[in-house]
Amino acid sequence: MSPSTSNQTVAPGGQVLRWRQALRARLAKPRLAWLDGRGLAAIEAAPGQALDLVASERLLQHLVCEPGLPLADEAALQGYARQLLSHYFGAAALRWPLAGWRAGGAAGASALHGLDLAALRATLEERQVALRGLRPAWAALLQRLAVDQPDWIKAPQAALAWVEGDLLTWLQLQAGTPRQLRHQRLAAPTVEALLATLTELQAQPGLPVLLQGYGLDAPQMPALPGVCQLGDLNGAAAKPAWFERPAAPTALAPRPDFAAPAEPPHRLAWPLALCGLLVLGTAGWSAWETHQQKSVAQARVESLQAQLQRRPAAPLPSSGSNKGADRAQAALAAEKLRAGAEVQGLLRHAWGPLLANVEQAGLGDDGAVISWLGMDYSAARRELRLQGLAADQAQALQLVERLALAPGWGEVVLSRFQLAGEGLSGQRFDLAAKLAPEALRADLARVSRAKVQP
């Protein structure tokens, strides 16, 4: 998968559609798909959808760290992994995306060497598809089996054998903790070659081994003590159902994910998202009302024109009558132009920086969040009015202070401030401001609340 680029200007209506698709993708339930050895997903996702990918072992390299190493955090783990991988695979390994994991006192990392992750992300972003997960095949399979096979995962010694044609991934567990993870090439993609390799890998007779995979020449492998085969082995590709995320995952199974964020989401992420949806919905309602006003103005102009056409011509019309009709027509035409310009202005407005400013300004130093009740914006006058509910007067003043210092904001004032109504707690306020949309920036400077105490 490779990113596509375009220098074409996106029309306002097209940009709104892309925003809607991006939002729908963030909220959509992800579809599970297999990423094969060529880096191609087994399904094509439509705009507004989300993907949870499982990567073939042909795209991966792995390591399990020696016990007792001083790897206190993720940065230390990834630094050690890059150093070791570059020793064996050269300088190119320093650029491979890593997914670290920890489980039961053990630690390790998987490296994605057969796929350009940045290009994959760019392609999906261009298609308005959200990437919600990219897990190694061994880990995705182990997460599922740890729930489906609880006795096996808790055994003192156990192993997982995952086969993709002539490539075998061997994972050895001790009381559910990974102790060995490596790739083994088969002499041929046959069940006989697999049997010979598994016989060598079983260090102790009867070691409980779960076997699953695809790409061999026969559905069943000859019986081998301790080996439990899960499904046929001669399928053409992996089945996404094998890697379904369990509803209640166990802590025994590692969960490396190349698409996971570097840091967990902030505890205020969902409240901010809901706040943004409220403000965006209010803006959409305002745009719809403006469109309705434009339609009403258009109907008034057409009605007046029809009346003028039906009116009989006066023999000697006075100049005063002509001037009155001209003024009426001019006023209606001006109203039509004003309504149309307002709609175009709302479509062209930089909503992203504006909504980001409002969300950030509504966060107090102590973690308190302003609840937004409404927003009204006039593109022609560049005037914004916000209605909100603050914990106290100081929080509302802090909001005004932050917005007044932000690029693109001017004449920021509280136009109304009163106690919240019945059923609400806090202080209700109205805020008015003049905007310069071309100067808006996505980030706001932090202002200490101590400076704005009433």
Protein backbone atom coordinates (compact mmCIF):
# COMPACT_ATOMS: atom_id res chain seq x y z
CA MET A 1 0.00 0.00 0.00
CA SER A 2 1.40 3.37 -0.95
CA PRO A 3 0.18 6.91 -0.21
CA SER A 4 -1.52 8.89 -2.94
CA THR A 5 -1.07 12.63 -3.23
CA SER A 6 -3.10 15.34 -4.90
CA ASN A 7 -2.52 19.06 -5.41
CA GLN A 8 -6.16 19.77 -6.22
CA THR A 9 -8.04 22.21 -4.04
CA VAL A 10 -10.86 20.56 -2.09
CA ALA A 11 -14.20 22.32 -2.50
CA PRO A 12 -15.86 23.46 0.74
CA GLY A 13 -18.61 20.84 0.40
CA GLY A 14 -16.00 18.13 -0.25
CA GLN A 15 -14.01 19.19 2.81
CA VAL A 16 -17.12 18.95 5.00
CA LEU A 17 -17.72 15.43 3.62
CA ARG A 18 -14.14 14.44 4.45
CA TRP A 19 -14.58 15.75 8.01
CA ARG A 20 -17.75 13.70 8.39
CA GLN A 21 -16.05 10.56 7.06
CA ALA A 22 -13.06 11.06 9.37
CA LEU A 23 -15.35 11.46 12.37
CA ARG A 24 -17.38 8.40 11.36
CA ALA A 25 -14.14 6.38 11.02
CA ARG A 26 -13.07 7.33 14.55
CA LEU A 27 -16.40 6.13 15.96
CA ALA A 28 -16.85 3.05 13.74
CA LYS A 29 -16.43 -0.51 14.96
CA PRO A 30 -13.17 -1.74 13.35
CA ARG A 31 -13.18 -4.53 10.79
CA LEU A 32 -10.60 -7.25 11.28
CA ALA A 33 -8.37 -7.89 8.26
CA TRP A 34 -5.31 -10.02 7.47
CA LEU A 35 -2.17 -8.21 6.25
CA ASP A 36 -0.37 -10.77 4.10
CA GLY A 37 3.33 -11.18 3.34
CA ARG A 38 3.16 -8.51 0.61
CA GLY A 39 1.69 -5.92 2.99
CA LEU A 40 -1.75 -6.01 1.36
CA ALA A 41 -4.93 -6.15 3.42
CA ALA A 42 -7.44 -8.89 2.67
CA ILE A 43 -10.31 -6.37 2.43
CA GLU A 44 -10.79 -2.88 1.07
CA ALA A 45 -12.34 -0.48 3.57
CA ALA A 46 -14.69 2.28 2.43
CA PRO A 47 -14.33 5.90 3.63
CA GLY A 48 -15.63 6.31 7.16
CA GLN A 49 -14.67 2.77 8.24
CA ALA A 50 -11.97 1.53 10.65
CA LEU A 51 -9.50 -1.37 10.35
CA ASP A 52 -7.94 -3.71 12.90
CA LEU A 53 -5.06 -5.40 11.04
CA VAL A 54 -3.12 -8.56 11.86
CA ALA A 55 0.33 -8.72 10.23
CA SER A 56 1.74 -11.89 8.68
CA GLU A 57 4.87 -13.28 10.33
CA ARG A 58 6.63 -12.82 6.98
CA LEU A 59 6.62 -9.07 7.75
CA LEU A 60 8.06 -9.44 11.27
CA GLN A 61 11.15 -10.10 13.37
CA HIS A 62 11.03 -10.79 17.11
CA LEU A 63 13.13 -10.87 20.24
CA VAL A 64 12.57 -11.93 23.84
CA CYS A 65 14.73 -10.09 26.37
CA GLU A 66 16.94 -11.94 28.82
CA PRO A 67 15.50 -11.92 32.36
CA GLY A 68 16.94 -9.33 34.73
CA LEU A 69 17.80 -6.63 32.20
CA PRO A 70 17.29 -3.04 33.51
CA LEU A 71 14.46 -2.12 31.13
CA ALA A 72 12.30 0.04 33.36
CA ASP A 73 10.14 1.73 30.71
CA GLU A 74 9.11 1.55 27.07
CA ALA A 75 11.95 3.84 25.93
CA ALA A 76 14.56 1.55 27.51
CA LEU A 77 12.93 -1.54 26.00
CA GLN A 78 12.81 -0.06 22.49
CA GLY A 79 16.37 1.25 22.75
CA TYR A 80 17.66 -2.20 23.69
CA ALA A 81 15.59 -3.84 20.94
CA ARG A 82 16.89 -1.46 18.24
CA GLN A 83 20.47 -2.01 19.31
CA LEU A 84 20.12 -5.79 19.19
CA LEU A 85 18.18 -5.86 15.91
CA SER A 86 20.67 -3.52 14.19
CA HIS A 87 23.49 -5.85 15.30
CA TYR A 88 21.89 -8.77 13.45
CA PHE A 89 20.14 -7.03 10.54
CA GLY A 90 22.20 -3.88 9.93
CA ALA A 91 21.49 -0.16 10.07
CA ALA A 92 18.13 -0.58 8.30
CA ALA A 93 16.74 -2.16 11.48
CA LEU A 94 17.08 1.20 13.27
CA ARG A 95 14.14 2.50 11.20
CA TRP A 96 11.84 -0.49 11.70
CA PRO A 97 8.64 0.25 13.68
CA LEU A 98 8.66 -1.56 17.03
CA ALA A 99 5.87 -2.89 19.24
CA GLY A 100 7.07 -3.72 22.73
CA TRP A 101 5.34 -6.00 25.20
CA ARG A 102 5.54 -7.13 28.83
CA ALA A 103 3.83 -10.10 30.47
CA GLY A 104 4.49 -12.13 33.60
CA GLY A 105 7.86 -10.50 34.27
CA ALA A 106 9.07 -11.12 30.70
CA ALA A 107 9.59 -8.46 28.02
CA GLY A 108 10.21 -8.39 24.30
CA ALA A 109 9.52 -6.59 21.05
CA SER A 110 8.32 -7.28 17.52
CA ALA A 111 9.75 -5.35 14.56
CA LEU A 112 7.83 -4.59 11.36
CA HIS A 113 10.47 -4.89 8.63
CA GLY A 114 8.42 -5.82 5.57
CA LEU A 115 6.02 -2.86 5.48
CA ASP A 116 6.25 0.93 5.23
CA LEU A 117 4.01 1.83 8.16
CA ALA A 118 4.11 5.57 7.42
CA ALA A 119 2.91 4.95 3.85
CA LEU A 120 0.17 2.65 5.11
CA ARG A 121 -1.06 5.31 7.54
CA ALA A 122 -0.96 8.00 4.82
CA THR A 123 -2.95 5.82 2.41
CA LEU A 124 -5.63 5.03 4.97
CA GLU A 125 -5.82 8.67 6.06
CA GLU A 126 -6.24 9.76 2.43
CA ARG A 127 -9.13 7.28 2.13
CA GLN A 128 -10.64 8.52 5.43
CA VAL A 129 -10.12 5.08 7.03
CA ALA A 130 -9.00 4.85 10.69
CA LEU A 131 -6.22 2.41 11.65
CA ARG A 132 -7.28 1.10 15.07
CA GLY A 133 -4.86 -1.81 15.43
CA LEU A 134 -1.86 -3.53 13.81
CA ARG A 135 -0.90 -6.64 15.78
CA PRO A 136 1.69 -9.36 15.07
CA ALA A 137 0.07 -12.65 14.09
CA TRP A 138 1.60 -14.60 16.99
CA ALA A 139 0.31 -12.10 19.59
CA ALA A 140 -3.19 -11.79 18.08
CA LEU A 141 -3.51 -15.59 17.99
CA LEU A 142 -2.18 -15.97 21.54
CA GLN A 143 -4.66 -13.36 22.87
CA ARG A 144 -7.53 -15.40 21.43
CA LEU A 145 -6.23 -18.80 22.56
CA ALA A 146 -5.42 -17.58 26.07
CA VAL A 147 -9.18 -17.12 26.58
CA ASP A 148 -10.39 -20.12 24.55
CA GLN A 149 -7.78 -22.54 26.00
CA PRO A 150 -7.32 -21.53 29.68
CA ASP A 151 -5.83 -24.89 30.78
CA TRP A 152 -3.23 -24.76 28.01
CA ILE A 153 -2.09 -21.19 28.75
CA LYS A 154 -1.71 -21.96 32.49
CA ALA A 155 0.27 -25.18 31.98
CA PRO A 156 3.83 -25.23 33.45
CA GLN A 157 5.21 -25.75 29.94
CA ALA A 158 3.35 -25.18 26.66
CA ALA A 159 3.97 -24.03 23.09
CA LEU A 160 2.17 -22.42 20.15
CA ALA A 161 3.04 -23.38 16.56
CA TRP A 162 1.76 -21.00 13.86
CA VAL A 163 2.50 -21.98 10.27
CA GLU A 164 2.28 -19.91 7.08
CA GLY A 165 3.31 -22.18 4.25
CA ASP A 166 7.02 -22.90 4.71
CA LEU A 167 7.38 -20.47 7.66
CA LEU A 168 6.79 -21.74 11.20
CA THR A 169 6.56 -19.38 14.19
CA TRP A 170 7.41 -21.18 17.44
CA LEU A 171 6.37 -19.65 20.78
CA GLN A 172 7.31 -21.49 23.97
CA LEU A 173 5.57 -20.59 27.23
CA GLN A 174 6.34 -21.19 30.88
CA ALA A 175 3.24 -20.83 33.08
CA GLY A 176 1.77 -18.59 30.38
CA THR A 177 4.87 -16.36 30.08
CA PRO A 178 6.72 -16.24 26.72
CA ARG A 179 10.26 -17.57 27.05
CA GLN A 180 11.15 -18.28 23.41
CA LEU A 181 9.83 -16.77 20.15
CA ARG A 182 11.48 -17.53 16.83
CA HIS A 183 10.94 -18.35 13.16
CA GLN A 184 11.81 -21.73 11.67
CA ARG A 185 11.89 -22.44 7.94
CA LEU A 186 10.36 -25.74 6.83
CA ALA A 187 12.09 -27.84 4.21
CA ALA A 188 8.89 -27.57 2.13
CA PRO A 189 5.30 -26.36 2.68
CA THR A 190 4.12 -29.90 3.50
CA VAL A 191 2.69 -31.63 6.53
CA GLU A 192 5.61 -34.09 6.49
CA ALA A 193 8.15 -31.24 6.76
CA LEU A 194 6.08 -29.69 9.56
CA LEU A 195 5.98 -33.00 11.43
CA ALA A 196 9.75 -33.34 11.24
CA THR A 197 10.33 -29.80 12.49
CA LEU A 198 7.87 -30.09 15.37
CA THR A 199 9.47 -33.35 16.46
CA GLU A 200 12.80 -31.54 16.76
CA LEU A 201 11.31 -28.53 18.56
CA GLN A 202 9.52 -30.57 21.22
CA ALA A 203 12.28 -30.60 23.82
CA GLN A 204 10.24 -32.88 26.06
CA PRO A 205 7.86 -35.65 24.98
CA GLY A 206 4.21 -34.72 25.31
CA LEU A 207 4.81 -30.94 25.51
CA PRO A 208 1.29 -29.46 24.99
CA VAL A 209 1.40 -27.69 21.63
CA LEU A 210 -1.45 -25.87 19.88
CA LEU A 211 -1.03 -25.90 16.10
CA GLN A 212 -2.79 -23.60 13.65
CA GLY A 213 -2.06 -22.13 10.24
CA TYR A 214 -2.50 -22.36 6.48
CA GLY A 215 -0.64 -22.89 3.22
CA LEU A 216 0.32 -26.59 3.50
CA ASP A 217 -0.39 -29.41 1.07
CA ALA A 218 -2.85 -31.34 3.25
CA PRO A 219 -5.50 -30.44 5.84
CA GLN A 220 -4.21 -32.71 8.61
CA MET A 221 -0.76 -33.41 10.02
CA PRO A 222 0.12 -36.96 11.11
CA ALA A 223 -0.54 -37.52 14.80
CA LEU A 224 2.19 -36.33 17.19
CA PRO A 225 1.90 -36.78 20.99
CA GLY A 226 1.00 -33.55 22.74
CA VAL A 227 0.14 -31.63 19.53
CA CYS A 228 -3.46 -30.39 19.19
CA GLN A 229 -4.31 -29.17 15.69
CA LEU A 230 -6.90 -26.35 15.45
CA GLY A 231 -8.54 -26.47 12.03
CA ASP A 232 -7.27 -27.46 8.60
CA LEU A 233 -3.75 -26.50 7.49
CA ASN A 234 -4.27 -26.27 3.71
CA GLY A 235 -6.26 -23.02 3.54
CA ALA A 236 -5.28 -20.34 1.04
CA ALA A 237 -4.98 -17.59 3.66
CA ALA A 238 -5.47 -16.85 7.35
CA LYS A 239 -9.03 -16.38 8.57
CA PRO A 240 -9.72 -13.11 10.43
CA ALA A 241 -11.96 -15.00 12.88
CA TRP A 242 -8.83 -16.68 14.33
CA PHE A 243 -7.65 -13.29 15.62
CA GLU A 244 -10.85 -11.80 17.03
CA ARG A 245 -10.11 -9.71 20.12
CA PRO A 246 -11.60 -11.34 23.23
CA ALA A 247 -14.21 -9.37 25.14
CA ALA A 248 -12.27 -9.93 28.38
CA PRO A 249 -8.56 -10.38 27.50
CA THR A 250 -6.30 -12.09 30.00
CA ALA A 251 -3.23 -10.38 31.43
CA LEU A 252 -1.15 -13.48 30.63
CA ALA A 253 -1.08 -12.75 26.88
CA PRO A 254 1.19 -9.92 25.62
CA ARG A 255 -0.52 -7.21 23.59
CA PRO A 256 1.99 -5.57 21.22
CA ASP A 257 0.38 -3.22 18.71
CA PHE A 258 2.17 -1.13 16.07
CA ALA A 259 -0.84 1.22 15.81
CA ALA A 260 -1.18 1.86 19.55
CA PRO A 261 -0.54 5.46 20.64
CA ALA A 262 2.76 6.23 22.32
CA GLU A 263 0.84 7.45 25.39
CA PRO A 264 -2.59 6.38 26.71
CA PRO A 265 -5.42 8.78 25.91
CA HIS A 266 -5.95 11.61 28.37
CA ARG A 267 -8.76 11.07 30.84
CA LEU A 268 -10.51 14.10 29.37
CA ALA A 269 -10.31 12.81 25.76
CA TRP A 270 -13.94 11.65 25.59
CA PRO A 271 -15.40 14.73 27.32
CA LEU A 272 -13.45 16.93 24.90
CA ALA A 273 -14.64 14.87 21.94
CA LEU A 274 -18.25 15.19 23.08
CA CYS A 275 -17.75 18.92 23.60
CA GLY A 276 -16.36 19.22 20.08
CA LEU A 277 -19.34 17.33 18.66
CA LEU A 278 -21.71 19.66 20.50
CA VAL A 279 -19.99 22.77 19.15
CA LEU A 280 -19.79 21.31 15.63
CA GLY A 281 -23.48 20.39 15.76
CA THR A 282 -24.37 23.91 16.86
CA ALA A 283 -22.32 25.34 14.00
CA GLY A 284 -24.06 23.02 11.56
CA TRP A 285 -27.46 24.09 12.87
CA SER A 286 -26.47 27.74 12.43
CA ALA A 287 -25.40 27.05 8.85
CA TRP A 288 -28.71 25.28 8.17
CA GLU A 289 -30.67 28.23 9.56
CA THR A 290 -28.68 30.60 7.35
CA HIS A 291 -29.47 28.41 4.34
CA GLN A 292 -33.16 28.52 5.26
CA GLN A 293 -32.99 32.32 5.51
CA LYS A 294 -31.42 32.41 2.06
CA SER A 295 -34.28 30.27 0.68
CA VAL A 296 -36.89 32.54 2.27
CA ALA A 297 -35.19 35.63 0.83
CA GLN A 298 -35.08 34.00 -2.61
CA ALA A 299 -38.80 33.21 -2.39
CA ARG A 300 -39.57 36.81 -1.40
CA VAL A 301 -37.63 38.15 -4.41
CA GLU A 302 -39.40 35.78 -6.79
CA SER A 303 -42.82 36.68 -5.31
CA LEU A 304 -42.16 40.41 -5.67
CA GLN A 305 -40.96 39.97 -9.25
CA ALA A 306 -44.12 38.02 -10.08
CA GLN A 307 -46.29 40.76 -8.57
CA LEU A 308 -44.48 43.44 -10.57
CA GLN A 309 -44.97 41.49 -13.79
CA ARG A 310 -48.73 41.09 -13.15
CA ARG A 311 -49.21 44.78 -12.23
CA PRO A 312 -50.70 46.84 -15.14
CA ALA A 313 -48.54 49.67 -16.35
CA ALA A 314 -49.68 53.08 -15.10
CA PRO A 315 -50.09 55.75 -17.81
CA LEU A 316 -48.16 58.39 -15.98
CA PRO A 317 -46.30 56.83 -13.05
CA SER A 318 -44.84 59.25 -10.60
CA SER A 319 -41.13 59.28 -10.04
CA GLY A 320 -41.72 58.60 -6.33
CA SER A 321 -43.48 55.25 -7.08
CA ASN A 322 -40.62 54.09 -9.34
CA LYS A 323 -38.07 54.97 -6.72
CA GLY A 324 -39.99 53.04 -4.05
CA ALA A 325 -40.17 49.88 -6.19
CA ASP A 326 -36.48 50.18 -7.08
CA ARG A 327 -35.54 50.50 -3.45
CA ALA A 328 -37.61 47.41 -2.55
CA GLN A 329 -36.00 45.38 -5.30
CA ALA A 330 -32.55 46.58 -4.33
CA ALA A 331 -33.17 45.68 -0.67
CA LEU A 332 -34.36 42.18 -1.52
CA ALA A 333 -31.44 41.62 -3.89
CA ALA A 334 -29.02 42.78 -1.20
CA GLU A 335 -30.64 40.38 1.32
CA LYS A 336 -30.24 37.53 -1.15
CA LEU A 337 -26.58 38.33 -1.70
CA ARG A 338 -25.97 38.68 2.05
CA ALA A 339 -27.51 35.29 2.83
CA GLY A 340 -25.51 33.60 0.05
CA ALA A 341 -22.28 35.23 1.20
CA GLU A 342 -22.97 34.09 4.78
CA VAL A 343 -23.37 30.45 3.67
CA GLN A 344 -20.18 30.57 1.62
CA GLY A 345 -18.32 32.17 4.52
CA LEU A 346 -19.42 29.39 6.90
CA LEU A 347 -18.31 26.70 4.46
CA ARG A 348 -14.88 28.30 3.99
CA HIS A 349 -14.33 28.99 7.68
CA ALA A 350 -11.38 27.28 9.44
CA TRP A 351 -13.51 25.20 11.82
CA GLY A 352 -10.64 22.92 12.88
CA PRO A 353 -8.48 25.60 14.63
CA LEU A 354 -11.59 27.33 16.02
CA LEU A 355 -12.98 24.17 17.65
CA ALA A 356 -9.52 23.24 18.94
CA ASN A 357 -9.18 26.68 20.54
CA VAL A 358 -12.58 26.39 22.22
CA GLU A 359 -11.85 22.90 23.58
CA GLN A 360 -8.40 23.83 24.93
CA ALA A 361 -9.58 27.08 26.47
CA GLY A 362 -12.33 25.22 28.29
CA LEU A 363 -9.78 23.18 30.29
CA GLY A 364 -8.83 24.60 33.67
CA ASP A 365 -5.48 24.09 35.44
CA ASP A 366 -7.20 21.86 38.00
CA GLY A 367 -8.77 19.63 35.36
CA ALA A 368 -12.22 21.27 35.49
CA VAL A 369 -13.98 21.34 32.11
CA ILE A 370 -16.36 24.01 30.84
CA SER A 371 -19.62 22.53 29.53
CA TRP A 372 -20.52 24.20 26.25
CA LEU A 373 -24.22 24.93 25.72
CA GLY A 374 -24.21 26.63 22.33
CA MET A 375 -22.32 28.51 19.64
CA ASP A 376 -23.39 31.13 17.06
CA TYR A 377 -21.03 32.50 14.41
CA SER A 378 -21.57 35.17 11.74
CA ALA A 379 -19.10 34.78 8.89
CA ALA A 380 -19.94 38.18 7.41
CA ARG A 381 -19.35 40.09 10.66
CA ARG A 382 -16.73 37.61 11.93
CA GLU A 383 -18.46 37.61 15.30
CA LEU A 384 -18.66 34.57 17.58
CA ARG A 385 -20.94 34.01 20.55
CA LEU A 386 -20.44 31.08 22.96
CA GLN A 387 -22.72 29.92 25.74
CA GLY A 388 -21.20 27.80 28.49
CA LEU A 389 -21.42 26.53 32.05
CA ALA A 390 -18.34 27.05 34.27
CA ALA A 391 -17.62 25.74 37.76
CA ASP A 392 -17.11 29.29 39.05
CA GLN A 393 -16.46 32.86 37.92
CA ALA A 394 -12.67 32.42 37.99
CA GLN A 395 -12.83 29.61 35.43
CA ALA A 396 -14.88 31.77 33.04
CA LEU A 397 -12.39 34.63 33.45
CA GLN A 398 -9.52 32.28 32.75
CA LEU A 399 -11.31 31.26 29.54
CA VAL A 400 -11.55 34.92 28.46
CA GLU A 401 -7.88 35.50 29.32
CA ARG A 402 -6.66 32.54 27.25
CA LEU A 403 -8.77 33.40 24.20
CA ALA A 404 -7.83 37.08 24.34
CA LEU A 405 -4.13 36.13 24.09
CA ALA A 406 -4.67 33.63 21.27
CA PRO A 407 -3.87 34.55 17.63
CA GLY A 408 -6.99 35.42 15.66
CA TRP A 409 -9.12 36.34 18.72
CA GLY A 410 -10.06 39.93 19.55
CA GLU A 411 -12.52 41.89 21.71
CA VAL A 412 -13.17 38.83 23.89
CA VAL A 413 -15.70 39.81 26.57
CA LEU A 414 -18.24 38.20 28.88
CA SER A 415 -21.59 39.63 27.83
CA ARG A 416 -23.67 37.76 30.42
CA PHE A 417 -22.83 36.02 33.70
CA GLN A 418 -25.34 34.48 36.10
CA LEU A 419 -26.06 31.49 38.31
CA ALA A 420 -27.04 28.31 36.49
CA GLY A 421 -30.72 27.51 36.29
CA GLU A 422 -32.62 24.76 38.05
CA GLY A 423 -31.00 21.34 37.70
CA LEU A 424 -27.57 22.81 36.86
CA SER A 425 -24.67 23.79 39.06
CA GLY A 426 -22.09 26.49 38.44
CA GLN A 427 -22.08 29.80 36.58
CA ARG A 428 -23.73 30.27 33.21
CA PHE A 429 -22.15 32.81 30.87
CA ASP A 430 -22.19 34.25 27.35
CA LEU A 431 -18.91 35.11 25.62
CA ALA A 432 -18.57 37.35 22.56
CA ALA A 433 -15.49 37.77 20.37
CA LYS A 434 -14.27 39.10 17.04
CA LEU A 435 -12.39 36.52 14.94
CA ALA A 436 -9.69 36.74 12.31
CA PRO A 437 -10.05 33.18 10.86
CA GLU A 438 -6.87 33.40 8.79
CA ALA A 439 -4.82 34.00 11.98
CA LEU A 440 -6.28 31.16 14.09
CA ARG A 441 -3.81 28.53 15.36
CA ALA A 442 -4.53 25.05 16.70
CA ASP A 443 -2.66 25.52 20.02
CA LEU A 444 -3.34 27.97 22.87
CA ALA A 445 -0.91 29.32 25.42
CA ARG A 446 -1.54 28.20 29.00
CA VAL A 447 -2.57 30.97 31.46
CA SER A 448 -2.28 30.54 35.22
CA ARG A 449 -5.63 30.63 36.98
CA ALA A 450 -4.06 32.58 39.85
CA LYS A 451 -3.71 35.63 37.59
CA VAL A 452 -7.42 35.90 36.91
CA GLN A 453 -9.02 35.47 40.32
CA PRO A 454 -12.04 37.82 40.57
